[in-house]
């Protein structure tokens, strides 16, 4: 005879009630049927499990051991049922994601939206990759759930999980910022006379570029500060100047950067770490946790595709 959970539930109810008749009433079953279930358990375990006393029915030592184990098993079965029921319910809600501008992360918006539409169609995803906001501050104050930002150092109020490193390239109109083959790396020192179109000085990439050029003892010739990928692409393709970006951004924005030349920069190379940023004091909701899992999966797929200039941390 196998022990089923119905018999264990009946046994626990009898011990709790201290009476077979009372337990039968609570379980809405006939008293003889309940007594047969207890007898079947005693036959299976080859031990007497219950004793009649002046105070009703009490468990024997063997019955007390079974009672404890039965409670644990029944609780696990109950939790399993809850988990199974929850798994069939579609998550719903609103989740906001920030994506660093001029970063490979900004190219992930479409893959993220596609995955979320397939896996969690009832979650509304709000993606923000606009300028004018410090994403970590939006995370810290709870106005945004998560973001992919530049940097890996400590920031008060948030936790950073480094995801990948991306190398920055010189992006110019085909033909010439330097008289060298397009596949030949260009030292930063060669940028002294190149007209540059860069983000404003408050942007992380601009600070990184300025610091790298300073190490190469180059004073940048910045002719315009542009905070729009499409406007930047148009200016570069018109020959108004060159810019410094991850190669993946120019590749993903092919309509904006049509016919450009992407050249690797060296001595020193310019690299930036992209990290996932979440609050260190505000817990993520269930929809946000599901979205984070999708985001990490999309990033993993990006890394497997080995795009130009992107590598693991």
Protein backbone atom coordinates (compact mmCIF):
# COMPACT_ATOMS: atom_id res chain seq x y z
CA UNK A 1 0.00 0.00 0.00
CA UNK A 2 1.32 3.45 -0.87
CA UNK A 3 0.67 6.38 1.44
CA UNK A 4 -1.27 9.12 -0.29
CA UNK A 5 -1.49 12.69 0.92
CA UNK A 6 -5.22 12.39 1.58
CA UNK A 7 -4.56 9.80 4.32
CA UNK A 8 -1.81 11.98 5.83
CA UNK A 9 -4.13 14.99 5.81
CA UNK A 10 -6.81 12.92 7.55
CA UNK A 11 -4.33 11.70 10.16
CA UNK A 12 -3.15 15.26 10.93
CA UNK A 13 -6.75 16.43 11.22
CA UNK A 14 -7.59 13.62 13.69
CA UNK A 15 -4.58 14.53 15.88
CA UNK A 16 -5.45 18.22 15.75
CA UNK A 17 -9.12 17.59 16.56
CA UNK A 18 -8.42 14.94 19.21
CA UNK A 19 -11.39 12.98 17.93
CA UNK A 20 -12.20 10.85 14.90
CA UNK A 21 -15.82 11.98 14.85
CA UNK A 22 -14.85 15.65 15.12
CA UNK A 23 -12.21 15.27 12.37
CA UNK A 24 -14.75 13.48 10.16
CA UNK A 25 -17.08 16.47 10.51
CA UNK A 26 -14.31 18.95 9.64
CA UNK A 27 -13.27 16.87 6.63
CA UNK A 28 -16.88 16.22 5.65
CA UNK A 29 -16.31 12.51 5.38
CA UNK A 30 -17.90 9.47 7.04
CA UNK A 31 -16.36 8.41 10.36
CA UNK A 32 -15.91 4.73 9.30
CA UNK A 33 -14.04 5.85 6.16
CA UNK A 34 -11.74 8.03 8.28
CA UNK A 35 -11.09 5.17 10.70
CA UNK A 36 -10.19 2.94 7.75
CA UNK A 37 -7.64 5.51 6.55
CA UNK A 38 -5.99 5.60 9.99
CA UNK A 39 -5.97 1.77 10.08
CA UNK A 40 -4.34 1.73 6.63
CA UNK A 41 -1.58 4.07 7.86
CA UNK A 42 -0.96 1.88 10.92
CA UNK A 43 -0.78 -1.17 8.67
CA UNK A 44 1.69 0.54 6.36
CA UNK A 45 4.02 1.81 9.08
CA UNK A 46 3.52 -1.31 11.25
CA UNK A 47 3.03 0.83 14.36
CA UNK A 48 0.05 1.93 16.37
CA UNK A 49 -0.34 5.65 15.73
CA UNK A 50 -3.25 6.71 17.96
CA UNK A 51 -4.42 5.95 21.49
CA UNK A 52 -7.80 6.59 23.10
CA UNK A 53 -7.61 8.38 26.45
CA UNK A 54 -9.91 10.20 28.84
CA UNK A 55 -9.07 13.37 26.92
CA UNK A 56 -9.87 11.92 23.53
CA UNK A 57 -7.45 10.59 20.95
CA UNK A 58 -3.72 11.28 21.32
CA UNK A 59 -0.80 10.21 19.13
CA UNK A 60 1.63 7.50 20.23
CA UNK A 61 5.37 8.20 20.01
CA UNK A 62 5.35 6.78 16.48
CA UNK A 63 2.21 8.77 15.71
CA UNK A 64 3.86 11.99 16.92
CA UNK A 65 6.83 11.41 14.59
CA UNK A 66 4.51 10.78 11.64
CA UNK A 67 2.47 13.86 12.59
CA UNK A 68 5.55 16.10 12.39
CA UNK A 69 6.67 14.68 9.05
CA UNK A 70 3.13 14.80 7.66
CA UNK A 71 2.81 18.48 8.54
CA UNK A 72 6.01 19.28 6.63
CA UNK A 73 4.98 17.21 3.62
CA UNK A 74 1.51 18.75 3.47
CA UNK A 75 2.96 22.24 3.76
CA UNK A 76 5.33 21.51 0.87
CA UNK A 77 2.48 20.17 -1.25
CA UNK A 78 0.42 23.27 -0.46
CA UNK A 79 3.31 25.53 -1.45
CA UNK A 80 3.85 23.52 -4.63
CA UNK A 81 0.21 24.08 -5.56
CA UNK A 82 0.55 27.82 -4.90
CA UNK A 83 3.70 28.02 -7.04
CA UNK A 84 2.06 26.06 -9.85
CA UNK A 85 -1.01 28.29 -9.75
CA UNK A 86 1.16 31.41 -9.79
CA UNK A 87 3.16 30.10 -12.74
CA UNK A 88 0.05 30.03 -14.90
CA UNK A 89 -0.90 33.60 -14.06
CA UNK A 90 0.53 36.18 -16.42
CA UNK A 91 2.57 38.88 -14.75
CA UNK A 92 1.17 42.34 -15.31
CA UNK A 93 2.32 45.82 -14.45
CA UNK A 94 4.59 48.62 -15.62
CA UNK A 95 8.40 48.46 -15.64
CA UNK A 96 10.73 51.31 -16.59
CA UNK A 97 14.21 50.73 -18.04
CA UNK A 98 16.86 53.36 -18.69
CA UNK A 99 19.46 52.77 -21.41
CA UNK A 100 22.64 54.83 -21.52
CA UNK A 101 22.77 57.11 -24.55
CA UNK A 102 25.61 56.60 -27.05
CA UNK A 103 26.07 53.10 -25.64
CA UNK A 104 25.64 49.62 -27.08
CA UNK A 105 22.90 49.24 -24.46
CA UNK A 106 20.75 51.66 -26.47
CA UNK A 107 20.77 49.11 -29.30
CA UNK A 108 19.11 46.55 -27.01
CA UNK A 109 15.75 48.29 -26.76
CA UNK A 110 14.18 46.39 -29.69
CA UNK A 111 15.43 42.92 -28.58
CA UNK A 112 14.18 43.64 -25.03
CA UNK A 113 10.76 44.72 -26.30
CA UNK A 114 10.48 41.62 -28.52
CA UNK A 115 11.39 39.22 -25.68
CA UNK A 116 9.01 40.94 -23.25
CA UNK A 117 6.19 40.84 -25.82
CA UNK A 118 6.68 37.09 -26.18
CA UNK A 119 7.26 36.14 -22.54
CA UNK A 120 5.32 38.77 -20.60
CA UNK A 121 2.81 40.44 -22.91
CA UNK A 122 0.88 42.03 -20.03
CA UNK A 123 3.87 43.93 -18.67
CA UNK A 124 4.07 47.47 -20.05
CA UNK A 125 7.73 48.32 -20.66
CA UNK A 126 8.77 51.96 -20.58
CA UNK A 127 12.21 52.54 -22.12
CA UNK A 128 14.08 55.80 -21.61
CA UNK A 129 17.29 56.55 -23.48
CA UNK A 130 16.86 60.31 -23.65
CA UNK A 131 19.41 62.91 -22.59
CA UNK A 132 18.90 65.28 -19.70
CA UNK A 133 18.47 62.64 -16.97
CA UNK A 134 21.00 61.08 -14.63
CA UNK A 135 19.71 57.53 -14.72
CA UNK A 136 21.24 56.49 -11.39
CA UNK A 137 19.34 59.30 -9.65
CA UNK A 138 16.07 58.11 -11.18
CA UNK A 139 16.81 54.62 -9.87
CA UNK A 140 17.78 55.89 -6.41
CA UNK A 141 14.55 57.89 -6.03
CA UNK A 142 12.35 55.06 -7.33
CA UNK A 143 11.23 56.87 -10.50
CA UNK A 144 12.80 54.13 -12.62
CA UNK A 145 13.15 50.39 -11.94
CA UNK A 146 16.50 49.66 -13.57
CA UNK A 147 18.99 51.05 -16.03
CA UNK A 148 22.05 50.13 -18.03
CA UNK A 149 24.55 52.89 -17.36
CA UNK A 150 28.20 53.69 -17.90
CA UNK A 151 30.48 53.07 -14.92
CA UNK A 152 31.19 50.37 -12.38
CA UNK A 153 32.35 52.33 -9.34
CA UNK A 154 30.21 52.77 -6.21
CA UNK A 155 27.27 55.20 -6.46
CA UNK A 156 25.29 56.07 -3.35
CA UNK A 157 21.80 54.58 -3.27
CA UNK A 158 22.25 52.05 -6.08
CA UNK A 159 23.89 48.71 -6.84
CA UNK A 160 25.88 48.18 -10.03
CA UNK A 161 26.36 44.85 -11.79
CA UNK A 162 29.04 45.18 -14.52
CA UNK A 163 27.79 43.56 -17.75
CA UNK A 164 30.32 44.27 -20.50
CA UNK A 165 33.02 46.62 -21.68
CA UNK A 166 32.80 48.48 -24.95
CA UNK A 167 35.55 50.16 -26.94
CA UNK A 168 35.05 53.56 -28.53
CA UNK A 169 35.88 54.21 -32.20
CA UNK A 170 36.34 57.24 -34.40
CA UNK A 171 33.32 57.53 -36.70
CA UNK A 172 33.81 59.74 -39.78
CA UNK A 173 32.36 60.27 -43.22
CA UNK A 174 33.91 57.70 -45.54
CA UNK A 175 37.24 59.00 -46.82
CA UNK A 176 39.02 60.83 -44.31
CA UNK A 177 39.80 62.00 -40.93
CA UNK A 178 43.19 60.41 -41.37
CA UNK A 179 45.07 59.36 -44.44
CA UNK A 180 45.41 55.72 -43.47
CA UNK A 181 43.49 52.56 -44.42
CA UNK A 182 40.18 52.34 -42.57
CA UNK A 183 41.16 49.03 -40.95
CA UNK A 184 44.38 50.44 -39.52
CA UNK A 185 44.12 51.61 -35.86
CA UNK A 186 44.51 55.32 -35.29
CA UNK A 187 46.49 56.70 -32.32
CA UNK A 188 44.70 59.37 -30.29
CA UNK A 189 47.55 61.74 -31.05
CA UNK A 190 46.30 61.83 -34.67
CA UNK A 191 43.08 63.54 -33.55
CA UNK A 192 44.72 66.88 -32.78
CA UNK A 193 43.42 68.50 -35.99
CA UNK A 194 40.20 66.50 -36.39
CA UNK A 195 36.90 68.38 -35.99
CA UNK A 196 34.94 66.53 -33.34
CA UNK A 197 31.22 66.34 -32.70
CA UNK A 198 30.75 65.10 -29.12
CA UNK A 199 28.14 64.95 -26.38
CA UNK A 200 28.18 67.77 -23.82
CA UNK A 201 30.68 67.80 -20.97
CA UNK A 202 28.16 66.45 -18.46
CA UNK A 203 27.93 63.14 -20.31
CA UNK A 204 30.01 60.23 -19.01
CA UNK A 205 31.42 59.46 -22.46
CA UNK A 206 32.52 63.06 -22.95
CA UNK A 207 34.42 63.01 -19.66
CA UNK A 208 36.00 59.68 -20.63
CA UNK A 209 36.99 60.98 -24.07
CA UNK A 210 38.44 64.21 -22.66
CA UNK A 211 40.47 62.28 -20.06
CA UNK A 212 41.82 59.88 -22.72
CA UNK A 213 42.76 62.72 -25.08
CA UNK A 214 44.46 64.53 -22.22
CA UNK A 215 46.58 61.43 -21.53
CA UNK A 216 47.56 61.46 -25.21
CA UNK A 217 48.35 65.18 -24.83
CA UNK A 218 45.73 66.16 -27.37
CA UNK A 219 43.53 69.23 -27.05
CA UNK A 220 40.24 68.22 -28.73
CA UNK A 221 38.90 70.41 -31.51
CA UNK A 222 35.21 70.20 -30.54
CA UNK A 223 33.12 72.13 -33.06
CA UNK A 224 29.67 71.03 -31.84
CA UNK A 225 28.09 69.33 -28.83
CA UNK A 226 25.21 67.12 -29.97
CA UNK A 227 22.86 65.16 -27.75
CA UNK A 228 20.87 63.29 -30.37
CA UNK A 229 22.02 60.14 -32.13
CA UNK A 230 20.09 60.96 -35.31
CA UNK A 231 21.35 64.57 -35.41
CA UNK A 232 24.88 63.39 -34.72
CA UNK A 233 24.69 60.86 -37.55
CA UNK A 234 23.39 63.47 -39.96
CA UNK A 235 26.20 65.88 -39.05
CA UNK A 236 28.86 63.20 -39.48
CA UNK A 237 27.53 61.98 -42.83
CA UNK A 238 27.43 65.62 -44.04
CA UNK A 239 31.12 65.89 -43.24
CA UNK A 240 30.75 68.50 -40.48
CA UNK A 241 33.10 66.51 -38.29
CA UNK A 242 33.84 63.12 -36.75
CA UNK A 243 32.57 61.62 -33.53
CA UNK A 244 33.74 59.01 -31.01
CA UNK A 245 31.28 56.23 -30.28
CA UNK A 246 30.98 52.48 -29.71
CA UNK A 247 31.03 50.86 -33.14
CA UNK A 248 27.77 49.05 -32.35
CA UNK A 249 25.88 52.36 -32.08
CA UNK A 250 26.91 53.43 -35.58
CA UNK A 251 26.12 49.95 -36.92
CA UNK A 252 22.70 49.82 -35.25
CA UNK A 253 21.84 53.34 -36.44
CA UNK A 254 22.68 52.58 -40.08
CA UNK A 255 20.06 55.01 -41.38
CA UNK A 256 21.67 57.85 -39.40
CA UNK A 257 25.28 56.82 -40.03
CA UNK A 258 25.01 55.78 -43.66
CA UNK A 259 28.35 55.49 -45.45
CA UNK A 260 30.54 56.21 -42.44
CA UNK A 261 33.99 54.86 -41.67
CA UNK A 262 34.63 53.31 -38.26
CA UNK A 263 38.23 53.32 -37.13
CA UNK A 264 39.70 51.78 -33.97
CA UNK A 265 41.49 54.18 -31.60
CA UNK A 266 44.66 53.16 -29.77
CA UNK A 267 47.44 54.53 -27.60
CA UNK A 268 45.42 54.62 -25.46
CA UNK A 269 42.29 52.71 -26.41
CA UNK A 270 39.12 54.20 -24.90
CA UNK A 271 36.94 51.67 -23.05
CA UNK A 272 33.86 52.06 -20.90
CA UNK A 273 32.09 49.58 -18.62
CA UNK A 274 28.31 49.23 -18.92
CA UNK A 275 26.57 48.09 -15.72
CA UNK A 276 23.05 47.17 -14.67
CA UNK A 277 21.90 49.67 -12.07
CA UNK A 278 19.15 48.96 -9.50
CA UNK A 279 18.23 50.52 -6.17
CA UNK A 280 20.06 49.25 -3.10
CA UNK A 281 17.08 49.94 -0.83
CA UNK A 282 13.92 49.57 -2.94
CA UNK A 283 13.03 45.94 -3.83
CA UNK A 284 12.11 45.09 -7.41
CA UNK A 285 8.50 44.08 -8.06
CA UNK A 286 7.73 40.69 -9.60
CA UNK A 287 7.24 42.24 -13.06
CA UNK A 288 10.55 44.10 -12.65
CA UNK A 289 12.34 40.90 -11.62
CA UNK A 290 10.96 39.17 -14.73
CA UNK A 291 12.08 42.11 -16.86
CA UNK A 292 15.57 42.05 -15.35
CA UNK A 293 15.86 38.36 -16.25
CA UNK A 294 14.89 39.16 -19.85
CA UNK A 295 17.37 42.06 -19.99
CA UNK A 296 20.23 39.84 -18.77
CA UNK A 297 19.30 37.18 -21.33
CA UNK A 298 19.36 39.77 -24.12
CA UNK A 299 22.77 41.01 -22.94
CA UNK A 300 24.06 37.42 -22.91
CA UNK A 301 22.89 36.99 -26.51
CA UNK A 302 24.66 40.23 -27.41
CA UNK A 303 27.90 38.93 -25.90
CA UNK A 304 27.59 35.62 -27.77
CA UNK A 305 27.25 37.46 -31.08
CA UNK A 306 30.66 39.10 -30.45
CA UNK A 307 29.87 42.53 -31.94
CA UNK A 308 32.78 44.78 -32.79
CA UNK A 309 34.38 46.42 -29.78
CA UNK A 310 32.36 44.64 -27.06
CA UNK A 311 33.83 42.16 -24.59
CA UNK A 312 33.03 40.60 -21.23
CA UNK A 313 34.00 42.37 -18.04
